[in-house]
Amino acid sequence: MAKVLITNSLKEDIFKRFKSGSEKIFLLMKSLEASPNKGKAVGHVAEVVIKELKYLGFRFYFVTDGRVLKFGTEDELAALLIKFVKVSSKKDQKKVILEIKTVLKSMGFDSFF
């Protein structure tokens, strides 16, 4: 079972925007632990894949190891780390994806911790 982490700034943003609906969003995010292949790939930097989950017109972006996700064994998938980093509306989608790519290129995957 993969491990899902959510940045503190994203948690605060979700609580602020969605209030009582935030519980459903966190359950959606945690559902990736059981099925880590969920979500649409929207970009990649080296072996890190940027994917999104949609909920009510919003996109929740997460990063993970694309090599393990695609070719990994069951044991590797069980140890997979999925990190949720940003949320956006449809109109801000492109800007947020570019921002995530910039951070990954300059600082790497660990910069989101």
C-alpha atoms as a PDB file:
ATOM      1  CA  MET A   1       0.000   0.000   0.000  1.00  0.00           C
ATOM      2  CA  ALA A   2       1.461   3.341  -1.087  1.00  0.00           C
ATOM      3  CA  LYS A   3       1.903   6.197   1.374  1.00  0.00           C
ATOM      4  CA  VAL A   4       0.078   9.476   0.731  1.00  0.00           C
ATOM      5  CA  LEU A   5       1.452  12.725   2.201  1.00  0.00           C
ATOM      6  CA  ILE A   6      -0.197  16.125   1.990  1.00  0.00           C
ATOM      7  CA  THR A   7       1.771  19.344   2.474  1.00  0.00           C
ATOM      8  CA  ASN A   8       0.704  21.486   5.418  1.00  0.00           C
ATOM      9  CA  SER A   9       0.104  24.499   3.177  1.00  0.00           C
ATOM     10  CA  LEU A  10      -2.213  22.420   0.975  1.00  0.00           C
ATOM     11  CA  LYS A  11      -4.121  21.122   4.023  1.00  0.00           C
ATOM     12  CA  GLU A  12      -4.686  24.686   5.194  1.00  0.00           C
ATOM     13  CA  ASP A  13      -5.801  25.749   1.711  1.00  0.00           C
ATOM     14  CA  ILE A  14      -8.287  22.840   1.505  1.00  0.00           C
ATOM     15  CA  PHE A  15      -9.765  23.618   4.943  1.00  0.00           C
ATOM     16  CA  LYS A  16     -10.078  27.295   3.997  1.00  0.00           C
ATOM     17  CA  ARG A  17     -11.691  26.707   0.572  1.00  0.00           C
ATOM     18  CA  PHE A  18     -13.892  23.671   1.195  1.00  0.00           C
ATOM     19  CA  LYS A  19     -14.668  23.795   4.959  1.00  0.00           C
ATOM     20  CA  SER A  20     -17.088  20.879   5.586  1.00  0.00           C
ATOM     21  CA  GLY A  21     -16.355  19.290   2.199  1.00  0.00           C
ATOM     22  CA  SER A  22     -12.682  18.903   3.045  1.00  0.00           C
ATOM     23  CA  GLU A  23     -13.272  15.439   4.534  1.00  0.00           C
ATOM     24  CA  LYS A  24     -14.387  14.083   1.132  1.00  0.00           C
ATOM     25  CA  ILE A  25     -11.295  15.552  -0.500  1.00  0.00           C
ATOM     26  CA  PHE A  26      -8.945  13.955   2.022  1.00  0.00           C
ATOM     27  CA  LEU A  27     -10.697  10.588   1.544  1.00  0.00           C
ATOM     28  CA  LEU A  28     -10.239  10.955  -2.230  1.00  0.00           C
ATOM     29  CA  MET A  29      -6.542  11.657  -1.718  1.00  0.00           C
ATOM     30  CA  LYS A  30      -6.106   8.737   0.687  1.00  0.00           C
ATOM     31  CA  SER A  31      -7.782   6.413  -1.841  1.00  0.00           C
ATOM     32  CA  LEU A  32      -4.498   6.524  -3.773  1.00  0.00           C
ATOM     33  CA  GLU A  33      -2.947   4.338  -1.069  1.00  0.00           C
ATOM     34  CA  ALA A  34      -4.976   1.392  -2.353  1.00  0.00           C
ATOM     35  CA  SER A  35      -4.792   2.257  -6.061  1.00  0.00           C
ATOM     36  CA  PRO A  36      -1.758   4.452  -6.803  1.00  0.00           C
ATOM     37  CA  ASN A  37      -2.385   4.465 -10.571  1.00  0.00           C
ATOM     38  CA  LYS A  38      -5.389   6.785 -10.176  1.00  0.00           C
ATOM     39  CA  GLY A  39      -5.212  10.254 -11.635  1.00  0.00           C
ATOM     40  CA  LYS A  40      -4.225  11.813 -14.927  1.00  0.00           C
ATOM     41  CA  ALA A  41      -0.564  12.455 -15.714  1.00  0.00           C
ATOM     42  CA  VAL A  42      -0.099  16.131 -16.595  1.00  0.00           C
ATOM     43  CA  GLY A  43       3.683  16.379 -16.698  1.00  0.00           C
ATOM     44  CA  HIS A  44       6.994  14.965 -15.594  1.00  0.00           C
ATOM     45  CA  VAL A  45      10.478  16.065 -14.596  1.00  0.00           C
ATOM     46  CA  ALA A  46      13.126  13.343 -14.922  1.00  0.00           C
ATOM     47  CA  GLU A  47      11.535  10.299 -13.247  1.00  0.00           C
ATOM     48  CA  VAL A  48       9.068  12.298 -11.163  1.00  0.00           C
ATOM     49  CA  VAL A  49       5.501  12.315 -12.507  1.00  0.00           C
ATOM     50  CA  ILE A  50       3.028  15.124 -11.862  1.00  0.00           C
ATOM     51  CA  LYS A  51      -0.554  13.841 -11.750  1.00  0.00           C
ATOM     52  CA  GLU A  52      -3.930  15.348 -10.915  1.00  0.00           C
ATOM     53  CA  LEU A  53      -7.174  14.249  -9.321  1.00  0.00           C
ATOM     54  CA  LYS A  54     -10.334  16.216 -10.096  1.00  0.00           C
ATOM     55  CA  TYR A  55     -13.047  17.132  -7.610  1.00  0.00           C
ATOM     56  CA  LEU A  56     -15.876  19.623  -8.283  1.00  0.00           C
ATOM     57  CA  GLY A  57     -13.983  21.647 -10.871  1.00  0.00           C
ATOM     58  CA  PHE A  58     -10.774  21.739  -8.849  1.00  0.00           C
ATOM     59  CA  ARG A  59      -7.566  19.869  -9.555  1.00  0.00           C
ATOM     60  CA  PHE A  60      -5.376  18.414  -6.817  1.00  0.00           C
ATOM     61  CA  TYR A  61      -1.791  17.858  -7.943  1.00  0.00           C
ATOM     62  CA  PHE A  62       0.558  15.227  -6.619  1.00  0.00           C
ATOM     63  CA  VAL A  63       4.061  14.061  -7.450  1.00  0.00           C
ATOM     64  CA  THR A  64       5.448  10.541  -7.325  1.00  0.00           C
ATOM     65  CA  ASP A  65       8.156   8.281  -8.737  1.00  0.00           C
ATOM     66  CA  GLY A  66       7.064   7.492 -12.291  1.00  0.00           C
ATOM     67  CA  ARG A  67       9.441   4.569 -12.752  1.00  0.00           C
ATOM     68  CA  VAL A  68       8.034   2.688  -9.751  1.00  0.00           C
ATOM     69  CA  LEU A  69       4.481   3.587 -10.723  1.00  0.00           C
ATOM     70  CA  LYS A  70       4.911   2.168 -14.223  1.00  0.00           C
ATOM     71  CA  PHE A  71       7.293  -0.754 -13.781  1.00  0.00           C
ATOM     72  CA  GLY A  72       7.338  -1.415 -10.039  1.00  0.00           C
ATOM     73  CA  THR A  73       6.704  -4.724  -8.341  1.00  0.00           C
ATOM     74  CA  GLU A  74       4.044  -5.080  -5.659  1.00  0.00           C
ATOM     75  CA  ASP A  75       6.664  -4.499  -2.962  1.00  0.00           C
ATOM     76  CA  GLU A  76       7.920  -1.337  -4.689  1.00  0.00           C
ATOM     77  CA  LEU A  77       4.351  -0.039  -5.107  1.00  0.00           C
ATOM     78  CA  ALA A  78       3.739  -0.701  -1.412  1.00  0.00           C
ATOM     79  CA  ALA A  79       6.700   1.556  -0.561  1.00  0.00           C
ATOM     80  CA  LEU A  80       5.717   4.255  -3.084  1.00  0.00           C
ATOM     81  CA  LEU A  81       5.452   7.809  -1.767  1.00  0.00           C
ATOM     82  CA  ILE A  82       2.709  10.034  -3.213  1.00  0.00           C
ATOM     83  CA  LYS A  83       2.957  13.701  -2.245  1.00  0.00           C
ATOM     84  CA  PHE A  84       0.032  16.111  -2.781  1.00  0.00           C
ATOM     85  CA  VAL A  85       1.404  19.603  -3.327  1.00  0.00           C
ATOM     86  CA  LYS A  86      -1.073  22.036  -4.934  1.00  0.00           C
ATOM     87  CA  VAL A  87      -4.705  22.744  -5.779  1.00  0.00           C
ATOM     88  CA  SER A  88      -6.060  24.869  -8.614  1.00  0.00           C
ATOM     89  CA  SER A  89      -9.170  25.671 -10.587  1.00  0.00           C
ATOM     90  CA  LYS A  90      -9.364  24.835 -14.271  1.00  0.00           C
ATOM     91  CA  LYS A  91      -8.334  28.339 -15.317  1.00  0.00           C
ATOM     92  CA  ASP A  92      -5.112  28.230 -13.253  1.00  0.00           C
ATOM     93  CA  GLN A  93      -4.177  24.693 -14.284  1.00  0.00           C
ATOM     94  CA  LYS A  94      -1.349  25.536 -16.681  1.00  0.00           C
ATOM     95  CA  LYS A  95       0.247  28.076 -14.332  1.00  0.00           C
ATOM     96  CA  VAL A  96       0.250  25.657 -11.378  1.00  0.00           C
ATOM     97  CA  ILE A  97       1.729  22.789 -13.423  1.00  0.00           C
ATOM     98  CA  LEU A  98       4.540  25.060 -14.629  1.00  0.00           C
ATOM     99  CA  GLU A  99       5.167  26.180 -11.047  1.00  0.00           C
ATOM    100  CA  ILE A 100       5.458  22.559  -9.864  1.00  0.00           C
ATOM    101  CA  LYS A 101       7.832  21.739 -12.729  1.00  0.00           C
ATOM    102  CA  THR A 102       9.995  24.751 -11.898  1.00  0.00           C
ATOM    103  CA  VAL A 103      10.322  23.702  -8.271  1.00  0.00           C
ATOM    104  CA  LEU A 104      11.130  20.116  -9.244  1.00  0.00           C
ATOM    105  CA  LYS A 105      13.788  21.228 -11.734  1.00  0.00           C
ATOM    106  CA  SER A 106      15.454  23.643  -9.360  1.00  0.00           C
ATOM    107  CA  MET A 107      15.198  21.852  -6.030  1.00  0.00           C
ATOM    108  CA  GLY A 108      14.040  18.287  -6.662  1.00  0.00           C
ATOM    109  CA  PHE A 109      11.330  16.078  -5.204  1.00  0.00           C
ATOM    110  CA  ASP A 110      12.441  16.643  -1.595  1.00  0.00           C
ATOM    111  CA  SER A 111      11.657  20.360  -1.847  1.00  0.00           C
ATOM    112  CA  PHE A 112       7.951  19.633  -1.318  1.00  0.00           C
ATOM    113  CA  PHE A 113       8.519  18.285   2.213  1.00  0.00           C
END
